[in-house]
Amino acid sequence: MNRRRSNIQIIRDMLKVGENGAGKTEIMYSANMSYNQIQKYLRFLIMHGFIDRVEVGNPVVTYRVTEKGFSLLKSIDTVLEVLDLEDASNL
């Protein structure tokens, strides 16, 4: 059965990519997202303090996971592991 990823799985994918810092395009492609999705989720993650927007040059911007974001990622991984849902194909 082929189902779409949940919001939690999308957030997990984004946080995994941003662990060491990543640009918007890298996150978008690595997490397999559309431009509209990346805009929506980045706004949410930044607003809630899970990701920081870091300007590393002009106009270079990197997104990095915060300590709060690492804590969220660990919690998501734990829940998905307990539910045996680490891969969206298991849904």
N, C-alpha and C. Protein backbone atom coordinates (compact mmCIF):
# COMPACT_ATOMS: atom_id res chain seq x y z
N MET A 1 0.85 -1.17 0.00
CA MET A 1 0.00 0.00 0.00
C MET A 1 0.90 1.24 0.00
N ASN A 2 0.69 2.13 -0.91
CA ASN A 2 1.52 3.33 -1.02
C ASN A 2 0.76 4.53 -0.47
N ARG A 3 1.21 5.06 0.65
CA ARG A 3 0.55 6.20 1.28
C ARG A 3 1.51 7.37 1.37
N ARG A 4 0.93 8.53 1.54
CA ARG A 4 1.73 9.73 1.70
C ARG A 4 2.34 9.77 3.10
N ARG A 5 3.43 10.50 3.22
CA ARG A 5 4.06 10.68 4.53
C ARG A 5 3.20 11.58 5.41
N SER A 6 3.27 11.34 6.69
CA SER A 6 2.57 12.20 7.63
C SER A 6 3.37 13.49 7.83
N ASN A 7 2.73 14.49 8.44
CA ASN A 7 3.42 15.74 8.77
C ASN A 7 4.63 15.46 9.66
N ILE A 8 4.46 14.54 10.59
CA ILE A 8 5.55 14.21 11.51
C ILE A 8 6.74 13.61 10.75
N GLN A 9 6.46 12.76 9.78
CA GLN A 9 7.55 12.15 9.00
C GLN A 9 8.24 13.19 8.13
N ILE A 10 7.50 14.15 7.60
CA ILE A 10 8.10 15.23 6.81
C ILE A 10 9.00 16.08 7.71
N ILE A 11 8.51 16.42 8.89
CA ILE A 11 9.31 17.21 9.84
C ILE A 11 10.57 16.44 10.22
N ARG A 12 10.44 15.15 10.47
CA ARG A 12 11.61 14.32 10.79
C ARG A 12 12.63 14.36 9.67
N ASP A 13 12.17 14.20 8.44
CA ASP A 13 13.08 14.23 7.29
C ASP A 13 13.80 15.57 7.19
N MET A 14 13.08 16.66 7.41
CA MET A 14 13.69 17.99 7.36
C MET A 14 14.73 18.18 8.46
N LEU A 15 14.39 17.73 9.66
CA LEU A 15 15.32 17.88 10.78
C LEU A 15 16.58 17.04 10.56
N LYS A 16 16.42 15.85 9.98
CA LYS A 16 17.58 15.00 9.70
C LYS A 16 18.53 15.70 8.72
N VAL A 17 17.98 16.31 7.69
CA VAL A 17 18.81 17.00 6.69
C VAL A 17 19.50 18.21 7.31
N GLY A 18 18.80 18.92 8.19
CA GLY A 18 19.34 20.14 8.77
C GLY A 18 20.21 19.95 10.01
N GLU A 19 20.52 18.70 10.36
CA GLU A 19 21.33 18.45 11.57
C GLU A 19 22.67 19.19 11.52
N ASN A 20 23.32 19.21 10.37
CA ASN A 20 24.62 19.86 10.24
C ASN A 20 24.53 21.16 9.46
N GLY A 21 23.31 21.64 9.25
CA GLY A 21 23.08 22.85 8.48
C GLY A 21 22.90 22.51 7.01
N ALA A 22 21.91 23.12 6.40
CA ALA A 22 21.63 22.87 5.00
C ALA A 22 20.87 24.06 4.42
N GLY A 23 21.03 24.26 3.13
CA GLY A 23 20.29 25.29 2.44
C GLY A 23 18.88 24.82 2.13
N LYS A 24 18.03 25.76 1.75
CA LYS A 24 16.64 25.45 1.46
C LYS A 24 16.52 24.42 0.34
N THR A 25 17.31 24.58 -0.71
CA THR A 25 17.24 23.65 -1.85
C THR A 25 17.67 22.25 -1.44
N GLU A 26 18.73 22.15 -0.65
CA GLU A 26 19.19 20.84 -0.18
C GLU A 26 18.12 20.15 0.67
N ILE A 27 17.50 20.90 1.56
CA ILE A 27 16.43 20.33 2.39
C ILE A 27 15.27 19.88 1.50
N MET A 28 14.90 20.73 0.56
CA MET A 28 13.76 20.45 -0.31
C MET A 28 13.99 19.15 -1.09
N TYR A 29 15.15 18.99 -1.70
CA TYR A 29 15.42 17.79 -2.48
C TYR A 29 15.67 16.57 -1.61
N SER A 30 16.43 16.72 -0.54
CA SER A 30 16.73 15.58 0.32
C SER A 30 15.50 15.04 1.03
N ALA A 31 14.59 15.95 1.40
CA ALA A 31 13.37 15.54 2.09
C ALA A 31 12.23 15.29 1.10
N ASN A 32 12.53 15.38 -0.19
CA ASN A 32 11.55 15.10 -1.24
C ASN A 32 10.28 15.93 -1.07
N MET A 33 10.47 17.26 -1.14
CA MET A 33 9.37 18.19 -0.91
C MET A 33 9.20 19.15 -2.08
N SER A 34 8.03 19.73 -2.19
CA SER A 34 7.79 20.78 -3.18
C SER A 34 8.21 22.12 -2.57
N TYR A 35 8.30 23.13 -3.42
CA TYR A 35 8.66 24.46 -2.94
C TYR A 35 7.63 24.98 -1.93
N ASN A 36 6.35 24.78 -2.22
CA ASN A 36 5.29 25.24 -1.30
C ASN A 36 5.38 24.53 0.04
N GLN A 37 5.67 23.23 0.01
CA GLN A 37 5.81 22.49 1.27
C GLN A 37 6.98 23.02 2.08
N ILE A 38 8.13 23.23 1.45
CA ILE A 38 9.32 23.68 2.19
C ILE A 38 9.05 25.03 2.84
N GLN A 39 8.36 25.91 2.12
CA GLN A 39 8.04 27.22 2.68
C GLN A 39 7.17 27.08 3.93
N LYS A 40 6.13 26.28 3.83
CA LYS A 40 5.19 26.08 4.94
C LYS A 40 5.88 25.45 6.15
N TYR A 41 6.62 24.38 5.93
CA TYR A 41 7.24 23.66 7.04
C TYR A 41 8.40 24.44 7.65
N LEU A 42 9.21 25.12 6.83
CA LEU A 42 10.30 25.93 7.38
C LEU A 42 9.74 27.04 8.26
N ARG A 43 8.70 27.68 7.79
CA ARG A 43 8.06 28.75 8.58
C ARG A 43 7.61 28.21 9.94
N PHE A 44 6.96 27.04 9.93
CA PHE A 44 6.49 26.41 11.17
C PHE A 44 7.67 26.07 12.09
N LEU A 45 8.71 25.42 11.53
CA LEU A 45 9.84 24.98 12.36
C LEU A 45 10.63 26.15 12.93
N ILE A 46 10.77 27.21 12.16
CA ILE A 46 11.47 28.41 12.65
C ILE A 46 10.63 29.10 13.73
N MET A 47 9.34 29.25 13.46
CA MET A 47 8.43 29.93 14.40
C MET A 47 8.41 29.23 15.77
N HIS A 48 8.54 27.90 15.77
CA HIS A 48 8.50 27.15 17.02
C HIS A 48 9.88 26.86 17.61
N GLY A 49 10.92 27.40 16.99
CA GLY A 49 12.27 27.29 17.55
C GLY A 49 12.97 25.96 17.32
N PHE A 50 12.52 25.19 16.33
CA PHE A 50 13.15 23.90 16.04
C PHE A 50 14.30 24.03 15.04
N ILE A 51 14.26 25.08 14.25
CA ILE A 51 15.31 25.36 13.25
C ILE A 51 15.64 26.84 13.32
N ASP A 52 16.92 27.17 13.16
CA ASP A 52 17.35 28.56 13.07
C ASP A 52 17.75 28.87 11.64
N ARG A 53 17.43 30.07 11.21
CA ARG A 53 17.87 30.58 9.91
C ARG A 53 19.16 31.34 10.15
N VAL A 54 20.26 30.88 9.54
CA VAL A 54 21.57 31.46 9.76
C VAL A 54 22.11 32.04 8.45
N GLU A 55 22.38 33.32 8.44
CA GLU A 55 22.97 33.95 7.25
C GLU A 55 24.48 33.75 7.31
N VAL A 56 25.02 33.03 6.33
CA VAL A 56 26.46 32.73 6.31
C VAL A 56 27.17 33.51 5.22
N GLY A 57 26.48 34.36 4.56
CA GLY A 57 27.03 35.20 3.50
C GLY A 57 25.91 35.96 2.86
N ASN A 58 26.25 36.68 1.81
CA ASN A 58 25.20 37.42 1.12
C ASN A 58 25.08 36.86 -0.28
N PRO A 59 24.06 36.19 -0.64
CA PRO A 59 22.77 35.97 0.01
C PRO A 59 22.63 34.57 0.58
N VAL A 60 23.72 33.93 0.97
CA VAL A 60 23.68 32.53 1.41
C VAL A 60 23.05 32.40 2.79
N VAL A 61 22.04 31.53 2.87
CA VAL A 61 21.34 31.25 4.13
C VAL A 61 21.36 29.75 4.37
N THR A 62 21.65 29.38 5.60
CA THR A 62 21.64 27.97 6.01
C THR A 62 20.62 27.81 7.13
N TYR A 63 20.02 26.65 7.17
CA TYR A 63 19.07 26.33 8.22
C TYR A 63 19.68 25.25 9.09
N ARG A 64 19.71 25.49 10.40
CA ARG A 64 20.32 24.55 11.34
C ARG A 64 19.32 24.17 12.42
N VAL A 65 19.38 22.91 12.79
CA VAL A 65 18.51 22.40 13.85
C VAL A 65 19.00 22.94 15.20
N THR A 66 18.08 23.40 16.02
CA THR A 66 18.39 23.90 17.35
C THR A 66 18.40 22.73 18.35
N GLU A 67 18.77 23.01 19.59
CA GLU A 67 18.71 21.97 20.62
C GLU A 67 17.28 21.47 20.79
N LYS A 68 16.34 22.39 20.72
CA LYS A 68 14.92 22.02 20.81
C LYS A 68 14.55 21.12 19.62
N GLY A 69 15.10 21.41 18.46
CA GLY A 69 14.86 20.60 17.27
C GLY A 69 15.46 19.21 17.39
N PHE A 70 16.67 19.12 17.97
CA PHE A 70 17.29 17.81 18.19
C PHE A 70 16.45 16.98 19.16
N SER A 71 15.90 17.64 20.17
CA SER A 71 15.04 16.95 21.13
C SER A 71 13.78 16.44 20.44
N LEU A 72 13.20 17.26 19.58
CA LEU A 72 12.02 16.84 18.83
C LEU A 72 12.35 15.67 17.91
N LEU A 73 13.47 15.73 17.22
CA LEU A 73 13.88 14.65 16.33
C LEU A 73 14.04 13.34 17.08
N LYS A 74 14.67 13.42 18.25
CA LYS A 74 14.84 12.21 19.07
C LYS A 74 13.48 11.65 19.48
N SER A 75 12.57 12.52 19.87
CA SER A 75 11.23 12.08 20.28
C SER A 75 10.47 11.45 19.11
N ILE A 76 10.55 12.08 17.95
CA ILE A 76 9.88 11.53 16.76
C ILE A 76 10.44 10.15 16.43
N ASP A 77 11.77 10.03 16.44
CA ASP A 77 12.40 8.73 16.15
C ASP A 77 11.93 7.66 17.13
N THR A 78 11.83 8.03 18.40
CA THR A 78 11.38 7.08 19.42
C THR A 78 9.95 6.64 19.16
N VAL A 79 9.07 7.58 18.89
CA VAL A 79 7.66 7.24 18.64
C VAL A 79 7.54 6.36 17.40
N LEU A 80 8.21 6.74 16.32
CA LEU A 80 8.13 5.95 15.09
C LEU A 80 8.69 4.54 15.29
N GLU A 81 9.75 4.44 16.10
CA GLU A 81 10.33 3.14 16.38
C GLU A 81 9.36 2.27 17.18
N VAL A 82 8.76 2.85 18.20
CA VAL A 82 7.82 2.11 19.04
C VAL A 82 6.61 1.64 18.21
N LEU A 83 6.16 2.50 17.31
CA LEU A 83 5.02 2.16 16.47
C LEU A 83 5.41 1.35 15.24
N ASP A 84 6.71 1.10 15.09
CA ASP A 84 7.25 0.39 13.92
C ASP A 84 6.87 1.09 12.63
N LEU A 85 7.01 2.43 12.65
CA LEU A 85 6.67 3.25 11.49
C LEU A 85 7.86 4.07 10.99
N GLU A 86 9.07 3.57 11.15
CA GLU A 86 10.24 4.33 10.75
C GLU A 86 10.21 4.67 9.27
N ASP A 87 9.62 3.83 8.47
CA ASP A 87 9.51 4.05 7.04
C ASP A 87 8.04 4.26 6.69
N ALA A 88 7.76 5.29 5.94
CA ALA A 88 6.37 5.61 5.58
C ALA A 88 5.68 4.45 4.86
N SER A 89 6.44 3.56 4.25
CA SER A 89 5.82 2.45 3.53
C SER A 89 5.18 1.45 4.47
N ASN A 90 5.50 1.53 5.76
CA ASN A 90 4.90 0.63 6.75
C ASN A 90 3.50 1.06 7.16
N LEU A 91 3.11 2.24 6.76
CA LEU A 91 1.78 2.75 7.16
C LEU A 91 0.66 2.00 6.50
